[in-house]
């Protein structure tokens, strides 16, 4: 480990650190099991040091270090972090990014892998809180990077002090603190840190942006001002999301089978920005992804809906957008839009499920089997053409054919056992089990209260 020298600003005190949790109304996280992401760099090492300075039971804390397998020094650096964590009385785990690594956009891929590994550990160990060490400088750098990419309000919005990632509560207690103060804190405490040589490499856009920050500061674009602008953009985003939630409540009817019906008149009569946001949100809900579709493609679909030129429909983000059939068009007084999962985009892998187990299917449904013979094994998959041929003469449904093909179905030994959204349960065989499939989109979209 190493550290630098120079004239330092004031260190961060334990009281100032605790003030964050007070202001953010999240002091409860200090009294429950938590994980802390620590790479060994100055930011995360200081986070671990400040956490130790609080009256926190060390038995509640597990430090997580991700070895990305990209540098030979990573293993020994993880060992250094473990030794310091153990010195503080904290448990430590090293998580390794296994498998082939991408050849482009490495930093983004590494970040995604890092959060996947850490939140996966939290889920497995029933730890609901993960602390990470993003700083004021990270906030400013992210703002500039996204500005350079032409991002809108959402992209330019500040990171939130608290959010949720993969179902884990993510807390950033150092988000308002400059990195220089964290380094000063470590120097004052005599704690060294790791300097990753990749943090000096000009091949990464974030590093290039970091190097020009002093020049921008001379023109008044300090990290503090950039972060404040990002925070104001976040307030604007929240207000827009609140308006989107209101439109959702008025114009959208979700269905337990995993699709939604939208009142076209209310969609296009709303502000264009709100209509686009609603379509993007619905695409995420129906497809089960956290990533919004590309803006240019989203605009094309919206314009086709607004001009009543959708024709036979359009595909976007793993969803189909088609005029709703009359049987589903009772949400408003005029034309309605049907958004459902595209069959080709449904996860091709079936999900194994034993009696008494629960699982997730296609990132959209929580599925479970209760009862049934001891030791019975089932699989869950989209009904598809094969399943439809097995049950089509045994059911009556008003759902469109293409929607029927996408609903979750329970299989055993090549036969369809149950399709709850089509009211089908096999009459024979060792299937005596109850299969449920709950669409997450029925409850995931919550109204957002604006911060302004």
Protein backbone atom coordinates (compact mmCIF):
# COMPACT_ATOMS: atom_id res chain seq x y z
CA UNK A 1 0.00 0.00 0.00
CA UNK A 2 1.09 3.55 -0.57
CA UNK A 3 -0.04 7.14 -0.04
CA UNK A 4 1.04 10.54 -1.23
CA UNK A 5 2.07 13.79 0.38
CA UNK A 6 1.08 17.43 0.09
CA UNK A 7 -1.01 20.02 1.85
CA UNK A 8 -4.25 18.45 2.95
CA UNK A 9 -7.72 19.82 3.66
CA UNK A 10 -9.46 18.99 6.92
CA UNK A 11 -9.93 15.28 7.65
CA UNK A 12 -13.43 13.84 8.01
CA UNK A 13 -14.36 13.25 11.64
CA UNK A 14 -16.44 10.37 12.92
CA UNK A 15 -19.16 12.85 13.90
CA UNK A 16 -19.25 14.36 10.41
CA UNK A 17 -19.47 10.85 8.96
CA UNK A 18 -22.38 9.94 11.20
CA UNK A 19 -24.12 13.19 10.22
CA UNK A 20 -24.68 11.71 6.76
CA UNK A 21 -26.76 8.87 8.17
CA UNK A 22 -28.71 11.36 10.29
CA UNK A 23 -29.45 13.68 7.33
CA UNK A 24 -30.35 10.77 5.05
CA UNK A 25 -32.62 9.25 7.72
CA UNK A 26 -30.85 5.92 7.41
CA UNK A 27 -29.18 5.45 10.79
CA UNK A 28 -30.97 2.09 10.91
CA UNK A 29 -28.36 0.61 8.55
CA UNK A 30 -25.74 0.95 11.32
CA UNK A 31 -27.64 -1.51 13.51
CA UNK A 32 -28.02 -4.37 11.05
CA UNK A 33 -25.74 -6.71 9.05
CA UNK A 34 -24.05 -4.79 6.25
CA UNK A 35 -21.46 -5.30 3.52
CA UNK A 36 -18.87 -2.68 2.57
CA UNK A 37 -17.23 -2.61 -0.85
CA UNK A 38 -13.51 -1.96 -0.38
CA UNK A 39 -10.99 -2.11 -3.23
CA UNK A 40 -8.11 -0.79 -1.16
CA UNK A 41 -8.07 2.62 -2.83
CA UNK A 42 -8.20 5.78 -0.75
CA UNK A 43 -11.97 6.27 -1.02
CA UNK A 44 -13.09 2.81 0.06
CA UNK A 45 -10.30 2.41 2.62
CA UNK A 46 -11.42 5.65 4.25
CA UNK A 47 -15.02 4.42 4.23
CA UNK A 48 -13.93 1.32 6.15
CA UNK A 49 -11.84 3.43 8.56
CA UNK A 50 -14.72 5.84 9.26
CA UNK A 51 -17.13 2.98 9.80
CA UNK A 52 -14.73 1.56 12.38
CA UNK A 53 -14.61 4.97 14.08
CA UNK A 54 -18.36 4.80 14.73
CA UNK A 55 -19.90 2.79 17.54
CA UNK A 56 -20.82 0.01 15.10
CA UNK A 57 -20.75 -3.62 16.19
CA UNK A 58 -17.91 -5.04 14.03
CA UNK A 59 -19.68 -8.39 13.95
CA UNK A 60 -22.30 -6.80 11.71
CA UNK A 61 -19.76 -5.77 9.06
CA UNK A 62 -18.35 -7.82 6.19
CA UNK A 63 -15.85 -6.17 3.85
CA UNK A 64 -16.09 -7.31 0.22
CA UNK A 65 -13.17 -6.99 -2.19
CA UNK A 66 -13.60 -7.88 -5.86
CA UNK A 67 -10.62 -9.37 -7.67
CA UNK A 68 -11.38 -8.69 -11.34
CA UNK A 69 -8.51 -10.88 -12.47
CA UNK A 70 -7.16 -8.07 -14.66
CA UNK A 71 -3.89 -7.34 -12.80
CA UNK A 72 -1.44 -9.78 -11.20
CA UNK A 73 -1.23 -7.56 -8.11
CA UNK A 74 -4.95 -7.84 -7.39
CA UNK A 75 -4.70 -10.97 -5.23
CA UNK A 76 -2.06 -9.48 -2.92
CA UNK A 77 -4.01 -6.20 -2.74
CA UNK A 78 -7.11 -8.12 -1.65
CA UNK A 79 -4.97 -9.71 1.06
CA UNK A 80 -3.87 -6.24 2.23
CA UNK A 81 -7.52 -5.19 2.48
CA UNK A 82 -8.34 -8.34 4.41
CA UNK A 83 -5.56 -7.68 6.92
CA UNK A 84 -6.76 -4.13 7.53
CA UNK A 85 -10.39 -5.23 7.78
CA UNK A 86 -9.45 -7.91 10.30
CA UNK A 87 -7.47 -5.29 12.25
CA UNK A 88 -10.72 -3.32 12.54
CA UNK A 89 -12.56 -6.47 13.64
CA UNK A 90 -14.46 -6.85 10.36
CA UNK A 91 -14.96 -10.07 8.43
CA UNK A 92 -13.65 -10.09 4.86
CA UNK A 93 -14.49 -11.89 1.62
CA UNK A 94 -12.68 -11.77 -1.73
CA UNK A 95 -15.02 -12.19 -4.70
CA UNK A 96 -13.45 -13.19 -8.02
CA UNK A 97 -14.66 -12.25 -11.49
CA UNK A 98 -14.30 -15.55 -13.31
CA UNK A 99 -14.54 -16.34 -17.01
CA UNK A 100 -13.60 -14.52 -20.21
CA UNK A 101 -13.27 -10.74 -20.04
CA UNK A 102 -14.61 -8.32 -22.66
CA UNK A 103 -12.23 -6.64 -25.08
CA UNK A 104 -14.02 -3.27 -25.12
CA UNK A 105 -15.62 -0.93 -22.56
CA UNK A 106 -13.72 -2.77 -19.84
CA UNK A 107 -14.45 -0.30 -17.05
CA UNK A 108 -18.21 -0.54 -17.56
CA UNK A 109 -18.06 -4.35 -17.73
CA UNK A 110 -15.90 -4.50 -14.60
CA UNK A 111 -18.30 -2.20 -12.76
CA UNK A 112 -21.29 -4.36 -13.72
CA UNK A 113 -19.43 -7.50 -12.65
CA UNK A 114 -18.41 -5.88 -9.37
CA UNK A 115 -21.94 -4.94 -8.40
CA UNK A 116 -23.25 -8.30 -9.54
CA UNK A 117 -20.77 -10.14 -7.35
CA UNK A 118 -21.29 -7.94 -4.30
CA UNK A 119 -25.10 -7.89 -4.45
CA UNK A 120 -25.09 -11.60 -5.20
CA UNK A 121 -23.06 -12.20 -2.04
CA UNK A 122 -25.48 -10.03 -0.08
CA UNK A 123 -28.49 -11.93 -1.39
CA UNK A 124 -26.93 -15.30 -0.63
CA UNK A 125 -25.98 -14.28 2.91
CA UNK A 126 -29.22 -12.39 3.60
CA UNK A 127 -27.43 -9.07 4.05
CA UNK A 128 -29.71 -6.26 2.95
CA UNK A 129 -27.31 -3.27 2.96
CA UNK A 130 -24.23 -2.54 0.87
CA UNK A 131 -22.08 0.57 1.52
CA UNK A 132 -19.89 1.93 -1.30
CA UNK A 133 -17.46 4.85 -1.43
CA UNK A 134 -18.57 7.14 -4.24
CA UNK A 135 -17.42 10.72 -3.62
CA UNK A 136 -18.17 14.27 -4.69
CA UNK A 137 -15.48 13.91 -7.37
CA UNK A 138 -17.18 10.79 -8.77
CA UNK A 139 -20.42 12.75 -8.95
CA UNK A 140 -18.78 15.58 -10.93
CA UNK A 141 -16.87 13.26 -13.26
CA UNK A 142 -20.00 11.27 -14.06
CA UNK A 143 -21.88 14.48 -14.86
CA UNK A 144 -19.19 15.62 -17.32
CA UNK A 145 -18.88 12.21 -18.97
CA UNK A 146 -22.61 12.03 -19.56
CA UNK A 147 -22.73 15.62 -20.74
CA UNK A 148 -20.14 14.69 -23.34
CA UNK A 149 -22.36 11.83 -24.51
CA UNK A 150 -25.35 14.12 -24.96
CA UNK A 151 -27.35 12.74 -22.03
CA UNK A 152 -30.63 14.33 -21.02
CA UNK A 153 -32.09 15.01 -17.59
CA UNK A 154 -31.88 11.42 -16.38
CA UNK A 155 -28.28 10.92 -17.44
CA UNK A 156 -27.17 14.21 -15.91
CA UNK A 157 -28.92 13.57 -12.60
CA UNK A 158 -26.84 13.04 -9.51
CA UNK A 159 -26.30 9.63 -8.00
CA UNK A 160 -28.62 9.14 -5.06
CA UNK A 161 -27.21 8.76 -1.53
CA UNK A 162 -29.40 5.69 -1.22
CA UNK A 163 -30.85 3.46 -3.91
CA UNK A 164 -31.52 -0.21 -4.65
CA UNK A 165 -29.42 -2.49 -6.84
CA UNK A 166 -30.54 -6.07 -7.52
CA UNK A 167 -32.82 -5.86 -4.50
CA UNK A 168 -30.02 -4.73 -2.15
CA UNK A 169 -30.10 -1.37 -0.38
CA UNK A 170 -27.09 0.58 -1.72
CA UNK A 171 -25.87 3.45 0.50
CA UNK A 172 -23.24 6.04 -0.50
CA UNK A 173 -22.31 7.88 2.72
CA UNK A 174 -19.34 9.78 1.19
CA UNK A 175 -21.16 11.20 -1.82
CA UNK A 176 -20.86 14.80 -0.64
CA UNK A 177 -17.19 14.54 0.39
CA UNK A 178 -14.25 15.49 -1.88
CA UNK A 179 -11.68 12.77 -2.42
CA UNK A 180 -8.94 15.07 -1.10
CA UNK A 181 -10.57 15.09 2.34
CA UNK A 182 -10.66 11.30 2.41
CA UNK A 183 -6.97 11.11 1.59
CA UNK A 184 -6.28 13.67 4.32
CA UNK A 185 -8.28 11.55 6.75
CA UNK A 186 -6.16 8.48 6.00
CA UNK A 187 -2.92 10.42 6.31
CA UNK A 188 -3.99 11.81 9.67
CA UNK A 189 -4.77 8.29 10.86
CA UNK A 190 -1.55 6.84 9.43
CA UNK A 191 -3.44 4.41 7.19
CA UNK A 192 -1.93 3.69 3.74
CA UNK A 193 -3.93 2.83 0.64
CA UNK A 194 -3.49 1.24 -2.77
CA UNK A 195 -2.83 3.25 -5.91
CA UNK A 196 -4.21 1.36 -8.91
CA UNK A 197 -1.98 2.18 -11.93
CA UNK A 198 -5.01 1.98 -14.22
CA UNK A 199 -6.24 5.17 -12.51
CA UNK A 200 -3.52 7.03 -14.42
CA UNK A 201 -4.17 5.48 -17.84
CA UNK A 202 -5.37 7.88 -20.53
CA UNK A 203 -7.09 5.07 -22.41
CA UNK A 204 -10.06 5.43 -20.03
CA UNK A 205 -12.37 8.40 -20.62
CA UNK A 206 -13.02 8.87 -16.90
CA UNK A 207 -9.31 9.21 -16.23
CA UNK A 208 -8.92 11.75 -19.04
CA UNK A 209 -11.84 13.72 -17.60
CA UNK A 210 -10.29 13.54 -14.13
CA UNK A 211 -7.05 15.04 -15.43
CA UNK A 212 -8.74 18.09 -16.95
CA UNK A 213 -10.86 18.82 -13.88
CA UNK A 214 -8.30 21.29 -12.46
CA UNK A 215 -8.48 23.34 -15.68
CA UNK A 216 -12.27 23.40 -15.53
CA UNK A 217 -12.13 24.47 -11.89
CA UNK A 218 -10.11 27.53 -12.90
CA UNK A 219 -13.14 28.60 -14.99
CA UNK A 220 -15.55 28.04 -12.12
CA UNK A 221 -16.55 24.48 -13.03
CA UNK A 222 -15.46 23.05 -9.71
CA UNK A 223 -16.43 19.57 -8.59
CA UNK A 224 -18.75 21.15 -6.01
CA UNK A 225 -20.61 23.22 -8.62
CA UNK A 226 -20.88 20.32 -11.05
CA UNK A 227 -22.22 18.05 -8.31
CA UNK A 228 -24.73 20.75 -7.28
CA UNK A 229 -25.93 20.99 -10.89
CA UNK A 230 -26.29 17.21 -11.03
CA UNK A 231 -28.35 17.34 -7.85
CA UNK A 232 -30.68 19.96 -9.37
CA UNK A 233 -31.04 17.77 -12.44
CA UNK A 234 -32.01 14.97 -10.08
CA UNK A 235 -34.79 17.12 -8.66
CA UNK A 236 -36.05 17.81 -12.18
CA UNK A 237 -35.91 14.09 -12.96
CA UNK A 238 -37.94 13.26 -9.86
CA UNK A 239 -40.60 15.78 -10.83
CA UNK A 240 -40.82 14.28 -14.32
CA UNK A 241 -41.05 10.79 -12.85
CA UNK A 242 -43.87 11.95 -10.59
CA UNK A 243 -45.81 13.19 -13.63
CA UNK A 244 -45.07 9.91 -15.40
CA UNK A 245 -46.43 7.97 -12.44
CA UNK A 246 -49.63 10.02 -12.59
CA UNK A 247 -50.05 9.22 -16.28
CA UNK A 248 -49.38 5.55 -15.53
CA UNK A 249 -52.22 5.52 -12.98
CA UNK A 250 -54.63 7.14 -15.44
CA UNK A 251 -53.73 5.51 -18.74
CA UNK A 252 -52.28 2.06 -18.05
CA UNK A 253 -53.87 -1.23 -17.11
CA UNK A 254 -51.35 -3.98 -16.29
CA UNK A 255 -52.40 -7.61 -16.59
CA UNK A 256 -51.27 -10.51 -14.42
CA UNK A 257 -50.21 -12.40 -17.58
CA UNK A 258 -47.33 -9.98 -18.08
CA UNK A 259 -48.63 -7.38 -20.50
CA UNK A 260 -50.10 -3.88 -20.28
CA UNK A 261 -52.84 -2.02 -22.12
CA UNK A 262 -52.46 1.74 -22.64
CA UNK A 263 -55.09 4.38 -23.48
CA UNK A 264 -53.60 5.91 -26.64
CA UNK A 265 -55.48 9.21 -26.32
CA UNK A 266 -54.12 9.92 -22.84
CA UNK A 267 -50.64 8.82 -23.88
CA UNK A 268 -50.35 11.23 -26.81
CA UNK A 269 -52.23 14.09 -25.16
CA UNK A 270 -49.68 14.20 -22.35
CA UNK A 271 -46.46 16.16 -22.77
CA UNK A 272 -44.20 14.38 -25.24
CA UNK A 273 -41.44 13.97 -22.63
CA UNK A 274 -43.88 12.31 -20.24
CA UNK A 275 -45.29 10.05 -22.95
CA UNK A 276 -41.80 8.93 -23.93
CA UNK A 277 -40.91 8.27 -20.31
CA UNK A 278 -44.03 6.20 -19.83
CA UNK A 279 -43.31 4.08 -22.91
CA UNK A 280 -39.73 3.54 -21.73
CA UNK A 281 -40.90 2.55 -18.24
CA UNK A 282 -43.50 0.16 -19.63
CA UNK A 283 -40.91 -1.43 -21.89
CA UNK A 284 -38.75 -2.12 -18.86
CA UNK A 285 -41.67 -3.54 -16.89
CA UNK A 286 -42.91 -5.86 -19.63
CA UNK A 287 -39.42 -7.01 -20.64
CA UNK A 288 -38.10 -7.35 -17.11
CA UNK A 289 -34.98 -5.31 -17.79
CA UNK A 290 -33.58 -2.33 -15.91
CA UNK A 291 -32.22 -0.72 -19.07
CA UNK A 292 -34.35 1.65 -21.10
CA UNK A 293 -34.44 1.26 -24.89
CA UNK A 294 -32.34 3.49 -27.10
CA UNK A 295 -33.91 6.92 -27.35
CA UNK A 296 -33.99 7.10 -31.17
CA UNK A 297 -35.86 3.78 -31.37
CA UNK A 298 -38.20 4.82 -28.57
CA UNK A 299 -39.05 8.01 -30.44
CA UNK A 300 -39.87 6.11 -33.62
CA UNK A 301 -42.32 3.85 -31.82
CA UNK A 302 -43.90 6.79 -29.99
CA UNK A 303 -44.31 8.75 -33.23
CA UNK A 304 -45.93 5.76 -34.93
CA UNK A 305 -48.42 5.45 -32.05
CA UNK A 306 -49.14 9.20 -32.01
CA UNK A 307 -49.72 9.31 -35.78
CA UNK A 308 -51.84 6.14 -35.74
CA UNK A 309 -49.41 4.52 -38.18
CA UNK A 310 -48.32 1.61 -36.02
CA UNK A 311 -49.80 -0.79 -38.53
CA UNK A 312 -49.15 -4.41 -37.58
CA UNK A 313 -46.98 -3.28 -34.70
CA UNK A 314 -43.38 -2.59 -33.75
CA UNK A 315 -40.69 -4.29 -31.67
CA UNK A 316 -38.71 -2.46 -29.01
CA UNK A 317 -36.61 -3.67 -26.10
CA UNK A 318 -37.85 -7.24 -26.27
CA UNK A 319 -41.50 -6.14 -26.43
CA UNK A 320 -44.18 -5.97 -29.11
CA UNK A 321 -46.29 -2.81 -29.47
CA UNK A 322 -49.55 -3.49 -31.32
CA UNK A 323 -53.07 -2.05 -31.45
CA UNK A 324 -55.04 -3.74 -28.70
CA UNK A 325 -57.88 -6.05 -29.84
CA UNK A 326 -61.41 -4.94 -28.88
CA UNK A 327 -61.62 -7.45 -26.03
CA UNK A 328 -58.75 -5.64 -24.28
CA UNK A 329 -59.60 -2.07 -25.25
CA UNK A 330 -61.92 -1.10 -22.40
CA UNK A 331 -59.38 1.10 -20.59
CA UNK A 332 -60.54 4.28 -22.32
CA UNK A 333 -63.09 5.46 -24.82
CA UNK A 334 -60.85 5.16 -27.88
CA UNK A 335 -57.98 3.13 -29.35
CA UNK A 336 -55.73 1.23 -26.97
CA UNK A 337 -52.18 -0.05 -27.23
CA UNK A 338 -51.10 -3.55 -26.22
CA UNK A 339 -47.51 -4.04 -25.03
CA UNK A 340 -46.46 -7.64 -24.47
CA UNK A 341 -43.28 -9.70 -24.26
CA UNK A 342 -41.80 -10.77 -27.57
CA UNK A 343 -41.60 -14.57 -27.60
CA UNK A 344 -38.17 -14.57 -29.25
CA UNK A 345 -36.83 -12.44 -26.39
CA UNK A 346 -38.07 -14.65 -23.53
CA UNK A 347 -35.22 -16.37 -21.70
CA UNK A 348 -34.63 -19.59 -23.67
CA UNK A 349 -33.45 -21.56 -20.63
CA UNK A 350 -36.09 -23.39 -18.64
CA UNK A 351 -36.02 -22.95 -14.87
CA UNK A 352 -35.85 -26.06 -12.72
CA UNK A 353 -38.33 -26.05 -9.86
CA UNK A 354 -38.97 -28.68 -7.18
CA UNK A 355 -42.04 -28.85 -5.02
CA UNK A 356 -41.81 -26.21 -2.30
CA UNK A 357 -39.33 -24.02 -4.19
CA UNK A 358 -39.61 -20.50 -5.58
CA UNK A 359 -37.62 -18.93 -8.42
CA UNK A 360 -37.57 -16.08 -10.92
CA UNK A 361 -38.56 -16.60 -14.54
CA UNK A 362 -37.44 -14.29 -17.35
CA UNK A 363 -36.76 -11.51 -14.79
CA UNK A 364 -40.53 -10.85 -14.89
CA UNK A 365 -42.31 -13.48 -12.83
CA UNK A 366 -41.87 -14.93 -9.37
CA UNK A 367 -42.79 -18.60 -9.79
CA UNK A 368 -43.38 -21.26 -7.15
CA UNK A 369 -44.70 -24.78 -6.71
CA UNK A 370 -46.40 -25.93 -3.52
CA UNK A 371 -47.55 -29.42 -2.68
CA UNK A 372 -47.13 -32.28 -5.11
CA UNK A 373 -45.38 -35.63 -4.73
CA UNK A 374 -42.21 -35.74 -2.64
CA UNK A 375 -39.14 -35.38 -4.83
CA UNK A 376 -41.11 -34.28 -7.89
CA UNK A 377 -39.15 -32.05 -10.26
CA UNK A 378 -40.62 -29.58 -12.71
CA UNK A 379 -39.43 -26.99 -15.20
CA UNK A 380 -40.82 -23.56 -15.96
CA UNK A 381 -40.69 -22.07 -19.45
CA UNK A 382 -42.75 -19.94 -21.82
CA UNK A 383 -45.69 -21.93 -23.17
CA UNK A 384 -44.54 -21.57 -26.78
CA UNK A 385 -45.90 -23.38 -29.82
CA UNK A 386 -45.22 -26.85 -28.41
CA UNK A 387 -47.13 -26.17 -25.23
CA UNK A 388 -49.94 -24.45 -27.08
CA UNK A 389 -50.51 -27.50 -29.25
CA UNK A 390 -50.87 -29.62 -26.11
CA UNK A 391 -53.51 -27.49 -24.40
CA UNK A 392 -55.29 -25.42 -27.07
CA UNK A 393 -58.29 -27.73 -27.25
CA UNK A 394 -58.61 -27.80 -23.46
CA UNK A 395 -58.88 -24.09 -22.72
CA UNK A 396 -60.93 -21.04 -23.49
CA UNK A 397 -59.21 -17.65 -23.34
CA UNK A 398 -59.74 -14.14 -24.63
CA UNK A 399 -56.02 -13.39 -24.58
CA UNK A 400 -54.35 -12.84 -27.95
CA UNK A 401 -52.55 -15.89 -29.34
CA UNK A 402 -49.12 -14.24 -29.30
CA UNK A 403 -49.56 -13.30 -25.64
CA UNK A 404 -50.57 -16.87 -24.77
CA UNK A 405 -47.29 -18.18 -26.15
CA UNK A 406 -45.27 -16.03 -23.72
CA UNK A 407 -46.95 -16.89 -20.40
CA UNK A 408 -45.10 -19.06 -17.86
CA UNK A 409 -46.01 -22.74 -17.89
CA UNK A 410 -45.08 -25.68 -15.66
CA UNK A 411 -43.76 -28.82 -17.35
CA UNK A 412 -42.97 -32.35 -16.23
CA UNK A 413 -41.45 -35.03 -18.47
CA UNK A 414 -42.28 -33.17 -21.68
CA UNK A 415 -45.90 -32.45 -20.80
CA UNK A 416 -47.56 -29.19 -19.77
CA UNK A 417 -48.76 -29.49 -16.19
CA UNK A 418 -50.13 -26.04 -15.44
CA UNK A 419 -50.62 -22.64 -17.09
CA UNK A 420 -52.28 -20.46 -14.43
CA UNK A 421 -52.84 -17.42 -16.67
CA UNK A 422 -54.81 -19.56 -19.11
CA UNK A 423 -56.67 -21.46 -16.39
CA UNK A 424 -55.12 -24.79 -17.34
CA UNK A 425 -54.25 -27.62 -14.95
CA UNK A 426 -53.61 -31.13 -16.26
CA UNK A 427 -56.15 -33.72 -15.13
CA UNK A 428 -53.83 -36.72 -15.06
CA UNK A 429 -50.31 -37.61 -13.97
CA UNK A 430 -48.20 -36.96 -10.89
CA UNK A 431 -48.75 -33.25 -11.09
CA UNK A 432 -50.69 -32.74 -7.88
CA UNK A 433 -49.02 -29.42 -7.18
CA UNK A 434 -50.10 -25.79 -7.26
CA UNK A 435 -48.11 -23.56 -9.63
CA UNK A 436 -48.17 -19.77 -9.26
CA UNK A 437 -46.55 -17.13 -11.46
CA UNK A 438 -46.78 -13.53 -10.22
CA UNK A 439 -45.97 -10.71 -12.65
CA UNK A 440 -43.61 -8.27 -10.93
CA UNK A 441 -44.86 -5.37 -13.04
CA UNK A 442 -48.14 -5.34 -11.13
CA UNK A 443 -46.47 -3.65 -8.17
CA UNK A 444 -42.94 -2.56 -9.18
CA UNK A 445 -43.81 0.86 -10.62
CA UNK A 446 -44.37 3.06 -7.57
CA UNK A 447 -45.36 6.75 -7.70
CA UNK A 448 -42.35 9.03 -7.20
CA UNK A 449 -42.60 12.04 -4.92
CA UNK A 450 -40.62 14.98 -6.32
CA UNK A 451 -37.74 16.35 -4.24
CA UNK A 452 -38.42 20.00 -5.16
